[in-house]
Structure formats: C-alpha cells, structure tokens
Amino acid sequence: MTYQEIVEKAKEIYKNADAGKVKEHVAIQFNITGEGAGAFYLEINNGKVDIQPYEYHDRDVLVTTSADVLLQIVSGKLGLEKAYLTGKLHAEGNLGKALLLKKVETK
C-alpha cells in the first residue's frame, strides 16, 4: 500500500464518524514505518474527525507503527492498548488522549 492509499483508507473509515462522546480537542500524529511510510494526523474537534496528510507539530500524542497495524486499529480489528502492550506501536505524549479514539464511532 502506498502512503496516499493509507491516508485515503483512514479518511474513508472516519468519513462519517461520530466523535460526539469526545468532549476535548485531540490531535494525534501517526508516523507510518515500512511500506507506505509517511506522517499524517487525526484531529478530533467539536464531535468531528479530520484527517490530513501532514505532520501536526502541536500534537497531543505521536504514534509510530506500520501501515498494517494502523489499519487494523482504525478498522477495529486490533485495540490500541493491545497494540501498544505487544510492541506493535510506540506512542509518545498524552496516551490518555490517544485512548479517546475508542469513543469514536465509525459507521
């Protein structure tokens, strides 16, 4: 998968997401390693999810993982905690804000 395909897949998954249960601003930068390497961010604000193919320098948390693991997480096949605890992803920053992704309902 290319970087652009990964970003488009993430956008598609979160296109109609309901983030109304997240009451605070969340900015997560994902650094993709290996095939499709690159960086993009996911922002939750006012109940909406926005994904852009850029670095987010004022982020709450930085997540580094492979494209395969990322797509498993955003599609709900792999939990963030399990991926973190098994070393499939590395995170720096406010890990509590990263866990707010679990409150986002994808359709």
PDB file of N, CA and C in Angstrom:
ATOM      1  N   MET A   1       0.834  -1.181   0.000  1.00  0.00           N
ATOM      2  CA  MET A   1       0.000   0.000   0.000  1.00  0.00           C
ATOM      3  C   MET A   1       0.883   1.250   0.000  1.00  0.00           C
ATOM      4  N   THR A   2       0.488   2.243  -0.756  1.00  0.00           N
ATOM      5  CA  THR A   2       1.247   3.495  -0.766  1.00  0.00           C
ATOM      6  C   THR A   2       0.790   4.392   0.383  1.00  0.00           C
ATOM      7  N   TYR A   3       1.591   5.396   0.673  1.00  0.00           N
ATOM      8  CA  TYR A   3       1.253   6.369   1.710  1.00  0.00           C
ATOM      9  C   TYR A   3      -0.122   6.992   1.421  1.00  0.00           C
ATOM     10  N   GLN A   4      -0.326   7.416   0.185  1.00  0.00           N
ATOM     11  CA  GLN A   4      -1.594   8.062  -0.182  1.00  0.00           C
ATOM     12  C   GLN A   4      -2.773   7.108   0.022  1.00  0.00           C
ATOM     13  N   GLU A   5      -2.613   5.844  -0.306  1.00  0.00           N
ATOM     14  CA  GLU A   5      -3.680   4.863  -0.107  1.00  0.00           C
ATOM     15  C   GLU A   5      -3.994   4.668   1.381  1.00  0.00           C
ATOM     16  N   ILE A   6      -2.963   4.705   2.211  1.00  0.00           N
ATOM     17  CA  ILE A   6      -3.174   4.569   3.653  1.00  0.00           C
ATOM     18  C   ILE A   6      -3.977   5.742   4.188  1.00  0.00           C
ATOM     19  N   VAL A   7      -3.588   6.949   3.804  1.00  0.00           N
ATOM     20  CA  VAL A   7      -4.305   8.149   4.258  1.00  0.00           C
ATOM     21  C   VAL A   7      -5.748   8.117   3.757  1.00  0.00           C
ATOM     22  N   GLU A   8      -5.955   7.753   2.502  1.00  0.00           N
ATOM     23  CA  GLU A   8      -7.317   7.692   1.949  1.00  0.00           C
ATOM     24  C   GLU A   8      -8.162   6.638   2.659  1.00  0.00           C
ATOM     25  N   LYS A   9      -7.565   5.501   2.997  1.00  0.00           N
ATOM     26  CA  LYS A   9      -8.285   4.441   3.715  1.00  0.00           C
ATOM     27  C   LYS A   9      -8.707   4.943   5.098  1.00  0.00           C
ATOM     28  N   ALA A  10      -7.804   5.612   5.811  1.00  0.00           N
ATOM     29  CA  ALA A  10      -8.134   6.168   7.119  1.00  0.00           C
ATOM     30  C   ALA A  10      -9.239   7.213   6.989  1.00  0.00           C
ATOM     31  N   LYS A  11      -9.163   8.073   5.970  1.00  0.00           N
ATOM     32  CA  LYS A  11     -10.210   9.080   5.745  1.00  0.00           C
ATOM     33  C   LYS A  11     -11.554   8.409   5.483  1.00  0.00           C
ATOM     34  N   GLU A  12     -11.544   7.357   4.696  1.00  0.00           N
ATOM     35  CA  GLU A  12     -12.776   6.637   4.372  1.00  0.00           C
ATOM     36  C   GLU A  12     -13.405   6.039   5.628  1.00  0.00           C
ATOM     37  N   ILE A  13     -12.595   5.423   6.471  1.00  0.00           N
ATOM     38  CA  ILE A  13     -13.102   4.801   7.695  1.00  0.00           C
ATOM     39  C   ILE A  13     -13.728   5.838   8.617  1.00  0.00           C
ATOM     40  N   TYR A  14     -13.116   7.019   8.714  1.00  0.00           N
ATOM     41  CA  TYR A  14     -13.593   8.049   9.642  1.00  0.00           C
ATOM     42  C   TYR A  14     -14.485   9.102   8.982  1.00  0.00           C
ATOM     43  N   LYS A  15     -14.838   8.902   7.715  1.00  0.00           N
ATOM     44  CA  LYS A  15     -15.601   9.909   6.960  1.00  0.00           C
ATOM     45  C   LYS A  15     -16.889  10.315   7.665  1.00  0.00           C
ATOM     46  N   ASN A  16     -17.661   9.390   8.137  1.00  0.00           N
ATOM     47  CA  ASN A  16     -18.937   9.689   8.792  1.00  0.00           C
ATOM     48  C   ASN A  16     -18.906   9.339  10.277  1.00  0.00           C
ATOM     49  N   ALA A  17     -17.722   9.396  10.862  1.00  0.00           N
ATOM     50  CA  ALA A  17     -17.569   9.011  12.266  1.00  0.00           C
ATOM     51  C   ALA A  17     -18.281   9.989  13.191  1.00  0.00           C
ATOM     52  N   ASP A  18     -18.758   9.453  14.305  1.00  0.00           N
ATOM     53  CA  ASP A  18     -19.381  10.261  15.345  1.00  0.00           C
ATOM     54  C   ASP A  18     -18.410  10.348  16.521  1.00  0.00           C
ATOM     55  N   ALA A  19     -17.855  11.524  16.717  1.00  0.00           N
ATOM     56  CA  ALA A  19     -16.923  11.741  17.825  1.00  0.00           C
ATOM     57  C   ALA A  19     -17.561  12.605  18.902  1.00  0.00           C
ATOM     58  N   GLY A  20     -18.884  12.598  18.970  1.00  0.00           N
ATOM     59  CA  GLY A  20     -19.616  13.423  19.928  1.00  0.00           C
ATOM     60  C   GLY A  20     -19.329  13.090  21.380  1.00  0.00           C
ATOM     61  N   LYS A  21     -18.875  11.878  21.659  1.00  0.00           N
ATOM     62  CA  LYS A  21     -18.559  11.486  23.040  1.00  0.00           C
ATOM     63  C   LYS A  21     -17.211  12.035  23.505  1.00  0.00           C
ATOM     64  N   VAL A  22     -16.423  12.543  22.574  1.00  0.00           N
ATOM     65  CA  VAL A  22     -15.120  13.120  22.923  1.00  0.00           C
ATOM     66  C   VAL A  22     -15.338  14.615  23.122  1.00  0.00           C
ATOM     67  N   LYS A  23     -15.210  15.062  24.353  1.00  0.00           N
ATOM     68  CA  LYS A  23     -15.542  16.445  24.697  1.00  0.00           C
ATOM     69  C   LYS A  23     -14.344  17.389  24.657  1.00  0.00           C
ATOM     70  N   GLU A  24     -13.178  16.879  24.347  1.00  0.00           N
ATOM     71  CA  GLU A  24     -11.992  17.724  24.301  1.00  0.00           C
ATOM     72  C   GLU A  24     -11.316  17.619  22.944  1.00  0.00           C
ATOM     73  N   HIS A  25     -10.441  18.564  22.668  1.00  0.00           N
ATOM     74  CA  HIS A  25      -9.681  18.554  21.422  1.00  0.00           C
ATOM     75  C   HIS A  25      -8.592  17.481  21.514  1.00  0.00           C
ATOM     76  N   VAL A  26      -8.434  16.705  20.452  1.00  0.00           N
ATOM     77  CA  VAL A  26      -7.425  15.649  20.396  1.00  0.00           C
ATOM     78  C   VAL A  26      -6.698  15.755  19.058  1.00  0.00           C
ATOM     79  N   ALA A  27      -5.373  15.742  19.110  1.00  0.00           N
ATOM     80  CA  ALA A  27      -4.560  15.763  17.895  1.00  0.00           C
ATOM     81  C   ALA A  27      -3.527  14.643  17.982  1.00  0.00           C
ATOM     82  N   ILE A  28      -3.637  13.689  17.063  1.00  0.00           N
ATOM     83  CA  ILE A  28      -2.742  12.531  17.055  1.00  0.00           C
ATOM     84  C   ILE A  28      -1.998  12.505  15.724  1.00  0.00           C
ATOM     85  N   GLN A  29      -0.689  12.462  15.806  1.00  0.00           N
ATOM     86  CA  GLN A  29       0.098  12.293  14.586  1.00  0.00           C
ATOM     87  C   GLN A  29       0.499  10.836  14.481  1.00  0.00           C
ATOM     88  N   PHE A  30       0.297  10.273  13.302  1.00  0.00           N
ATOM     89  CA  PHE A  30       0.701   8.895  13.019  1.00  0.00           C
ATOM     90  C   PHE A  30       1.914   8.917  12.104  1.00  0.00           C
ATOM     91  N   ASN A  31       2.985   8.306  12.545  1.00  0.00           N
ATOM     92  CA  ASN A  31       4.162   8.113  11.704  1.00  0.00           C
ATOM     93  C   ASN A  31       4.142   6.656  11.247  1.00  0.00           C
ATOM     94  N   ILE A  32       4.003   6.471   9.952  1.00  0.00           N
ATOM     95  CA  ILE A  32       3.936   5.133   9.368  1.00  0.00           C
ATOM     96  C   ILE A  32       5.339   4.711   8.966  1.00  0.00           C
ATOM     97  N   THR A  33       5.709   3.501   9.374  1.00  0.00           N
ATOM     98  CA  THR A  33       7.019   2.961   9.033  1.00  0.00           C
ATOM     99  C   THR A  33       6.865   1.853   7.995  1.00  0.00           C
ATOM    100  N   GLY A  34       7.948   1.526   7.325  1.00  0.00           N
ATOM    101  CA  GLY A  34       7.915   0.441   6.342  1.00  0.00           C
ATOM    102  C   GLY A  34       7.193   0.852   5.078  1.00  0.00           C
ATOM    103  N   GLU A  35       6.490  -0.091   4.481  1.00  0.00           N
ATOM    104  CA  GLU A  35       5.760   0.178   3.246  1.00  0.00           C
ATOM    105  C   GLU A  35       4.744   1.294   3.472  1.00  0.00           C
ATOM    106  N   GLY A  36       4.721   2.275   2.588  1.00  0.00           N
ATOM    107  CA  GLY A  36       3.788   3.387   2.711  1.00  0.00           C
ATOM    108  C   GLY A  36       4.201   4.404   3.758  1.00  0.00           C
ATOM    109  N   ALA A  37       5.491   4.471   4.057  1.00  0.00           N
ATOM    110  CA  ALA A  37       5.986   5.359   5.116  1.00  0.00           C
ATOM    111  C   ALA A  37       5.577   6.812   4.879  1.00  0.00           C
ATOM    112  N   GLY A  38       5.279   7.496   5.971  1.00  0.00           N
ATOM    113  CA  GLY A  38       4.905   8.901   5.921  1.00  0.00           C
ATOM    114  C   GLY A  38       4.229   9.289   7.216  1.00  0.00           C
ATOM    115  N   ALA A  39       3.767  10.524   7.289  1.00  0.00           N
ATOM    116  CA  ALA A  39       3.107  11.013   8.502  1.00  0.00           C
ATOM    117  C   ALA A  39       1.788  11.682   8.138  1.00  0.00           C
ATOM    118  N   PHE A  40       0.785  11.478   8.997  1.00  0.00           N
ATOM    119  CA  PHE A  40      -0.472  12.212   8.866  1.00  0.00           C
ATOM    120  C   PHE A  40      -1.059  12.398  10.250  1.00  0.00           C
ATOM    121  N   TYR A  41      -2.049  13.276  10.334  1.00  0.00           N
ATOM    122  CA  TYR A  41      -2.654  13.487  11.642  1.00  0.00           C
ATOM    123  C   TYR A  41      -4.150  13.276  11.610  1.00  0.00           C
ATOM    124  N   LEU A  42      -4.643  12.941  12.786  1.00  0.00           N
ATOM    125  CA  LEU A  42      -6.070  12.776  13.023  1.00  0.00           C
ATOM    126  C   LEU A  42      -6.417  13.757  14.138  1.00  0.00           C
ATOM    127  N   GLU A  43      -7.389  14.616  13.862  1.00  0.00           N
ATOM    128  CA  GLU A  43      -7.812  15.608  14.841  1.00  0.00           C
ATOM    129  C   GLU A  43      -9.282  15.408  15.160  1.00  0.00           C
ATOM    130  N   ILE A  44      -9.596  15.440  16.442  1.00  0.00           N
ATOM    131  CA  ILE A  44     -10.983  15.374  16.885  1.00  0.00           C
ATOM    132  C   ILE A  44     -11.296  16.716  17.510  1.00  0.00           C
ATOM    133  N   ASN A  45     -12.344  17.362  16.989  1.00  0.00           N
ATOM    134  CA  ASN A  45     -12.728  18.676  17.488  1.00  0.00           C
ATOM    135  C   ASN A  45     -14.218  18.886  17.233  1.00  0.00           C
ATOM    136  N   ASN A  46     -14.936  19.286  18.253  1.00  0.00           N
ATOM    137  CA  ASN A  46     -16.373  19.553  18.130  1.00  0.00           C
ATOM    138  C   ASN A  46     -17.142  18.370  17.551  1.00  0.00           C
ATOM    139  N   GLY A  47     -16.805  17.161  17.966  1.00  0.00           N
ATOM    140  CA  GLY A  47     -17.531  15.982  17.552  1.00  0.00           C
ATOM    141  C   GLY A  47     -17.214  15.467  16.161  1.00  0.00           C
ATOM    142  N   LYS A  48     -16.228  16.049  15.520  1.00  0.00           N
ATOM    143  CA  LYS A  48     -15.875  15.650  14.160  1.00  0.00           C
ATOM    144  C   LYS A  48     -14.423  15.183  14.101  1.00  0.00           C
ATOM    145  N   VAL A  49     -14.161  14.291  13.142  1.00  0.00           N
ATOM    146  CA  VAL A  49     -12.814  13.768  12.926  1.00  0.00           C
ATOM    147  C   VAL A  49     -12.296  14.314  11.606  1.00  0.00           C
ATOM    148  N   ASP A  50     -11.093  14.833  11.635  1.00  0.00           N
ATOM    149  CA  ASP A  50     -10.449  15.349  10.432  1.00  0.00           C
ATOM    150  C   ASP A  50      -9.094  14.655  10.288  1.00  0.00           C
ATOM    151  N   ILE A  51      -8.804  14.166   9.100  1.00  0.00           N
ATOM    152  CA  ILE A  51      -7.521  13.514   8.819  1.00  0.00           C
ATOM    153  C   ILE A  51      -6.862  14.269   7.676  1.00  0.00           C
ATOM    154  N   GLN A  52      -5.605  14.644   7.897  1.00  0.00           N
ATOM    155  CA  GLN A  52      -4.856  15.382   6.883  1.00  0.00           C
ATOM    156  C   GLN A  52      -3.462  14.779   6.719  1.00  0.00           C
ATOM    157  N   PRO A  53      -2.931  14.803   5.495  1.00  0.00           N
ATOM    158  CA  PRO A  53      -1.625  14.188   5.222  1.00  0.00           C
ATOM    159  C   PRO A  53      -0.444  15.098   5.561  1.00  0.00           C
ATOM    160  N   TYR A  54      -0.413  15.576   6.781  1.00  0.00           N
ATOM    161  CA  TYR A  54       0.645  16.474   7.223  1.00  0.00           C
ATOM    162  C   TYR A  54       1.083  16.090   8.629  1.00  0.00           C
ATOM    163  N   GLU A  55       2.242  16.599   9.030  1.00  0.00           N
ATOM    164  CA  GLU A  55       2.659  16.481  10.421  1.00  0.00           C
ATOM    165  C   GLU A  55       1.892  17.519  11.232  1.00  0.00           C
ATOM    166  N   TYR A  56       1.662  17.230  12.493  1.00  0.00           N
ATOM    167  CA  TYR A  56       0.930  18.128  13.387  1.00  0.00           C
ATOM    168  C   TYR A  56       1.879  18.430  14.540  1.00  0.00           C
ATOM    169  N   HIS A  57       2.501  19.595  14.493  1.00  0.00           N
ATOM    170  CA  HIS A  57       3.564  19.895  15.455  1.00  0.00           C
ATOM    171  C   HIS A  57       3.048  20.180  16.860  1.00  0.00           C
ATOM    172  N   ASP A  58       1.794  20.555  16.997  1.00  0.00           N
ATOM    173  CA  ASP A  58       1.222  20.833  18.316  1.00  0.00           C
ATOM    174  C   ASP A  58       0.331  19.662  18.746  1.00  0.00           C
ATOM    175  N   ARG A  59       0.808  18.467  18.498  1.00  0.00           N
ATOM    176  CA  ARG A  59       0.027  17.252  18.739  1.00  0.00           C
ATOM    177  C   ARG A  59       0.004  16.899  20.226  1.00  0.00           C
ATOM    178  N   ASP A  60      -0.991  16.090  20.581  1.00  0.00           N
ATOM    179  CA  ASP A  60      -1.082  15.569  21.940  1.00  0.00           C
ATOM    180  C   ASP A  60      -0.282  14.286  22.085  1.00  0.00           C
ATOM    181  N   VAL A  61      -0.253  13.500  21.019  1.00  0.00           N
ATOM    182  CA  VAL A  61       0.437  12.214  21.064  1.00  0.00           C
ATOM    183  C   VAL A  61       0.976  11.885  19.673  1.00  0.00           C
ATOM    184  N   LEU A  62       2.120  11.232  19.664  1.00  0.00           N
ATOM    185  CA  LEU A  62       2.754  10.768  18.430  1.00  0.00           C
ATOM    186  C   LEU A  62       2.755   9.250  18.458  1.00  0.00           C
ATOM    187  N   VAL A  63       2.143   8.651  17.444  1.00  0.00           N
ATOM    188  CA  VAL A  63       2.051   7.191  17.349  1.00  0.00           C
ATOM    189  C   VAL A  63       2.881   6.739  16.148  1.00  0.00           C
ATOM    190  N   THR A  64       3.775   5.788  16.381  1.00  0.00           N
ATOM    191  CA  THR A  64       4.608   5.240  15.317  1.00  0.00           C
ATOM    192  C   THR A  64       4.293   3.757  15.178  1.00  0.00           C
ATOM    193  N   THR A  65       3.935   3.351  13.955  1.00  0.00           N
ATOM    194  CA  THR A  65       3.570   1.964  13.703  1.00  0.00           C
ATOM    195  C   THR A  65       3.618   1.685  12.203  1.00  0.00           C
ATOM    196  N   SER A  66       3.415   0.440  11.838  1.00  0.00           N
ATOM    197  CA  SER A  66       3.355   0.072  10.418  1.00  0.00           C
ATOM    198  C   SER A  66       1.952   0.341   9.878  1.00  0.00           C
ATOM    199  N   ALA A  67       1.845   0.385   8.574  1.00  0.00           N
ATOM    200  CA  ALA A  67       0.549   0.608   7.935  1.00  0.00           C
ATOM    201  C   ALA A  67      -0.425  -0.509   8.271  1.00  0.00           C
ATOM    202  N   ASP A  68       0.060  -1.739   8.280  1.00  0.00           N
ATOM    203  CA  ASP A  68      -0.795  -2.887   8.569  1.00  0.00           C
ATOM    204  C   ASP A  68      -1.414  -2.776   9.961  1.00  0.00           C
ATOM    205  N   VAL A  69      -0.601  -2.465  10.953  1.00  0.00           N
ATOM    206  CA  VAL A  69      -1.102  -2.340  12.328  1.00  0.00           C
ATOM    207  C   VAL A  69      -2.076  -1.158  12.428  1.00  0.00           C
ATOM    208  N   LEU A  70      -1.726  -0.044  11.810  1.00  0.00           N
ATOM    209  CA  LEU A  70      -2.605   1.123  11.844  1.00  0.00           C
ATOM    210  C   LEU A  70      -3.978   0.795  11.271  1.00  0.00           C
ATOM    211  N   LEU A  71      -4.013   0.141  10.134  1.00  0.00           N
ATOM    212  CA  LEU A  71      -5.301  -0.186   9.509  1.00  0.00           C
ATOM    213  C   LEU A  71      -6.090  -1.183  10.343  1.00  0.00           C
ATOM    214  N   GLN A  72      -5.420  -2.084  11.040  1.00  0.00           N
ATOM    215  CA  GLN A  72      -6.118  -2.989  11.957  1.00  0.00           C
ATOM    216  C   GLN A  72      -6.751  -2.206  13.103  1.00  0.00           C
ATOM    217  N   ILE A  73      -6.047  -1.192  13.596  1.00  0.00           N
ATOM    218  CA  ILE A  73      -6.566  -0.384  14.703  1.00  0.00           C
ATOM    219  C   ILE A  73      -7.756   0.449  14.253  1.00  0.00           C
ATOM    220  N   VAL A  74      -7.617   1.196  13.148  1.00  0.00           N
ATOM    221  CA  VAL A  74      -8.711   2.086  12.733  1.00  0.00           C
ATOM    222  C   VAL A  74      -9.928   1.315  12.244  1.00  0.00           C
ATOM    223  N   SER A  75      -9.738   0.062  11.830  1.00  0.00           N
ATOM    224  CA  SER A  75     -10.897  -0.736  11.400  1.00  0.00           C
ATOM    225  C   SER A  75     -11.519  -1.504  12.568  1.00  0.00           C
ATOM    226  N   GLY A  76     -10.917  -1.385  13.757  1.00  0.00           N
ATOM    227  CA  GLY A  76     -11.479  -2.035  14.942  1.00  0.00           C
ATOM    228  C   GLY A  76     -11.062  -3.483  15.136  1.00  0.00           C
ATOM    229  N   LYS A  77     -10.130  -3.966  14.354  1.00  0.00           N
ATOM    230  CA  LYS A  77      -9.688  -5.362  14.469  1.00  0.00           C
ATOM    231  C   LYS A  77      -8.613  -5.555  15.535  1.00  0.00           C
ATOM    232  N   LEU A  78      -7.972  -4.453  15.952  1.00  0.00           N
ATOM    233  CA  LEU A  78      -6.912  -4.516  16.953  1.00  0.00           C
ATOM    234  C   LEU A  78      -7.064  -3.310  17.874  1.00  0.00           C
ATOM    235  N   GLY A  79      -7.073  -3.554  19.159  1.00  0.00           N
ATOM    236  CA  GLY A  79      -7.201  -2.473  20.127  1.00  0.00           C
ATOM    237  C   GLY A  79      -5.899  -1.717  20.309  1.00  0.00           C
ATOM    238  N   LEU A  80      -6.018  -0.425  20.595  1.00  0.00           N
ATOM    239  CA  LEU A  80      -4.834   0.393  20.836  1.00  0.00           C
ATOM    240  C   LEU A  80      -3.983  -0.150  21.973  1.00  0.00           C
ATOM    241  N   GLU A  81      -4.647  -0.518  23.071  1.00  0.00           N
ATOM    242  CA  GLU A  81      -3.897  -0.999  24.228  1.00  0.00           C
ATOM    243  C   GLU A  81      -3.106  -2.261  23.894  1.00  0.00           C
ATOM    244  N   LYS A  82      -3.751  -3.189  23.210  1.00  0.00           N
ATOM    245  CA  LYS A  82      -3.087  -4.441  22.860  1.00  0.00           C
ATOM    246  C   LYS A  82      -1.903  -4.179  21.927  1.00  0.00           C
ATOM    247  N   ALA A  83      -2.105  -3.304  20.938  1.00  0.00           N
ATOM    248  CA  ALA A  83      -1.019  -2.978  20.013  1.00  0.00           C
ATOM    249  C   ALA A  83       0.154  -2.350  20.762  1.00  0.00           C
ATOM    250  N   TYR A  84      -0.141  -1.485  21.716  1.00  0.00           N
ATOM    251  CA  TYR A  84       0.900  -0.822  22.495  1.00  0.00           C
ATOM    252  C   TYR A  84       1.631  -1.825  23.393  1.00  0.00           C
ATOM    253  N   LEU A  85       0.847  -2.624  24.107  1.00  0.00           N
ATOM    254  CA  LEU A  85       1.440  -3.566  25.063  1.00  0.00           C
ATOM    255  C   LEU A  85       2.232  -4.687  24.401  1.00  0.00           C
ATOM    256  N   THR A  86       1.894  -5.005  23.154  1.00  0.00           N
ATOM    257  CA  THR A  86       2.622  -6.054  22.435  1.00  0.00           C
ATOM    258  C   THR A  86       3.750  -5.486  21.573  1.00  0.00           C
ATOM    259  N   GLY A  87       3.980  -4.175  21.664  1.00  0.00           N
ATOM    260  CA  GLY A  87       5.080  -3.551  20.933  1.00  0.00           C
ATOM    261  C   GLY A  87       4.820  -3.327  19.462  1.00  0.00           C
ATOM    262  N   LYS A  88       3.558  -3.441  19.035  1.00  0.00           N
ATOM    263  CA  LYS A  88       3.240  -3.230  17.626  1.00  0.00           C
ATOM    264  C   LYS A  88       3.142  -1.750  17.275  1.00  0.00           C
ATOM    265  N   LEU A  89       3.031  -0.913  18.299  1.00  0.00           N
ATOM    266  CA  LEU A  89       3.089   0.523  18.086  1.00  0.00           C
ATOM    267  C   LEU A  89       3.792   1.169  19.257  1.00  0.00           C
ATOM    268  N   HIS A  90       4.366   2.318  18.981  1.00  0.00           N
ATOM    269  CA  HIS A  90       5.037   3.105  20.017  1.00  0.00           C
ATOM    270  C   HIS A  90       4.314   4.443  20.090  1.00  0.00           C
ATOM    271  N   ALA A  91       4.162   4.955  21.302  1.00  0.00           N
ATOM    272  CA  ALA A  91       3.469   6.222  21.476  1.00  0.00           C
ATOM    273  C   ALA A  91       4.243   7.115  22.424  1.00  0.00           C
ATOM    274  N   GLU A  92       4.247   8.407  22.106  1.00  0.00           N
ATOM    275  CA  GLU A  92       4.883   9.416  22.943  1.00  0.00           C
ATOM    276  C   GLU A  92       3.871  10.526  23.171  1.00  0.00           C
ATOM    277  N   GLY A  93       3.798  10.989  24.398  1.00  0.00           N
ATOM    278  CA  GLY A  93       2.886  12.099  24.689  1.00  0.00           C
ATOM    279  C   GLY A  93       1.758  11.655  25.597  1.00  0.00           C
ATOM    280  N   ASN A  94       0.610  12.274  25.431  1.00  0.00           N
ATOM    281  CA  ASN A  94      -0.553  12.031  26.271  1.00  0.00           C
ATOM    282  C   ASN A  94      -1.296  10.777  25.791  1.00  0.00           C
ATOM    283  N   LEU A  95      -0.956   9.650  26.382  1.00  0.00           N
ATOM    284  CA  LEU A  95      -1.559   8.385  25.954  1.00  0.00           C
ATOM    285  C   LEU A  95      -3.049   8.346  26.253  1.00  0.00           C
ATOM    286  N   GLY A  96      -3.499   9.065  27.258  1.00  0.00           N
ATOM    287  CA  GLY A  96      -4.919   9.133  27.574  1.00  0.00           C
ATOM    288  C   GLY A  96      -5.715   9.711  26.419  1.00  0.00           C
ATOM    289  N   LYS A  97      -5.143  10.707  25.757  1.00  0.00           N
ATOM    290  CA  LYS A  97      -5.844  11.294  24.601  1.00  0.00           C
ATOM    291  C   LYS A  97      -5.904  10.312  23.436  1.00  0.00           C
ATOM    292  N   ALA A  98      -4.861   9.507  23.277  1.00  0.00           N
ATOM    293  CA  ALA A  98      -4.886   8.501  22.213  1.00  0.00           C
ATOM    294  C   ALA A  98      -6.012   7.507  22.460  1.00  0.00           C
ATOM    295  N   LEU A  99      -6.249   7.166  23.717  1.00  0.00           N
ATOM    296  CA  LEU A  99      -7.299   6.205  24.046  1.00  0.00           C
ATOM    297  C   LEU A  99      -8.701   6.764  23.797  1.00  0.00           C
ATOM    298  N   LEU A 100      -8.823   8.074  23.639  1.00  0.00           N
ATOM    299  CA  LEU A 100     -10.127   8.657  23.313  1.00  0.00           C
ATOM    300  C   LEU A 100     -10.624   8.209  21.940  1.00  0.00           C
ATOM    301  N   LEU A 101      -9.720   7.697  21.108  1.00  0.00           N
ATOM    302  CA  LEU A 101     -10.137   7.147  19.803  1.00  0.00           C
ATOM    303  C   LEU A 101     -11.171   6.038  19.979  1.00  0.00           C
ATOM    304  N   LYS A 102     -11.134   5.352  21.109  1.00  0.00           N
ATOM    305  CA  LYS A 102     -12.092   4.266  21.349  1.00  0.00           C
ATOM    306  C   LYS A 102     -13.520   4.802  21.459  1.00  0.00           C
ATOM    307  N   LYS A 103     -13.682   6.087  21.775  1.00  0.00           N
ATOM    308  CA  LYS A 103     -15.015   6.673  21.907  1.00  0.00           C
ATOM    309  C   LYS A 103     -15.598   7.110  20.563  1.00  0.00           C
ATOM    310  N   VAL A 104     -14.775   7.105  19.535  1.00  0.00           N
ATOM    311  CA  VAL A 104     -15.242   7.500  18.203  1.00  0.00           C
ATOM    312  C   VAL A 104     -15.949   6.323  17.550  1.00  0.00           C
ATOM    313  N   GLU A 105     -17.173   6.571  17.119  1.00  0.00           N
ATOM    314  CA  GLU A 105     -17.969   5.514  16.476  1.00  0.00           C
ATOM    315  C   GLU A 105     -17.923   5.678  14.968  1.00  0.00           C
ATOM    316  N   THR A 106     -17.352   4.687  14.301  1.00  0.00           N
ATOM    317  CA  THR A 106     -17.319   4.708  12.839  1.00  0.00           C
ATOM    318  C   THR A 106     -18.566   4.002  12.323  1.00  0.00           C
ATOM    319  N   LYS A 107     -18.948   4.347  11.113  1.00  0.00           N
ATOM    320  CA  LYS A 107     -20.194   3.803  10.551  1.00  0.00           C
ATOM    321  C   LYS A 107     -19.911   2.928   9.365  1.00  0.00           C
TER     322      LYS A 107
END
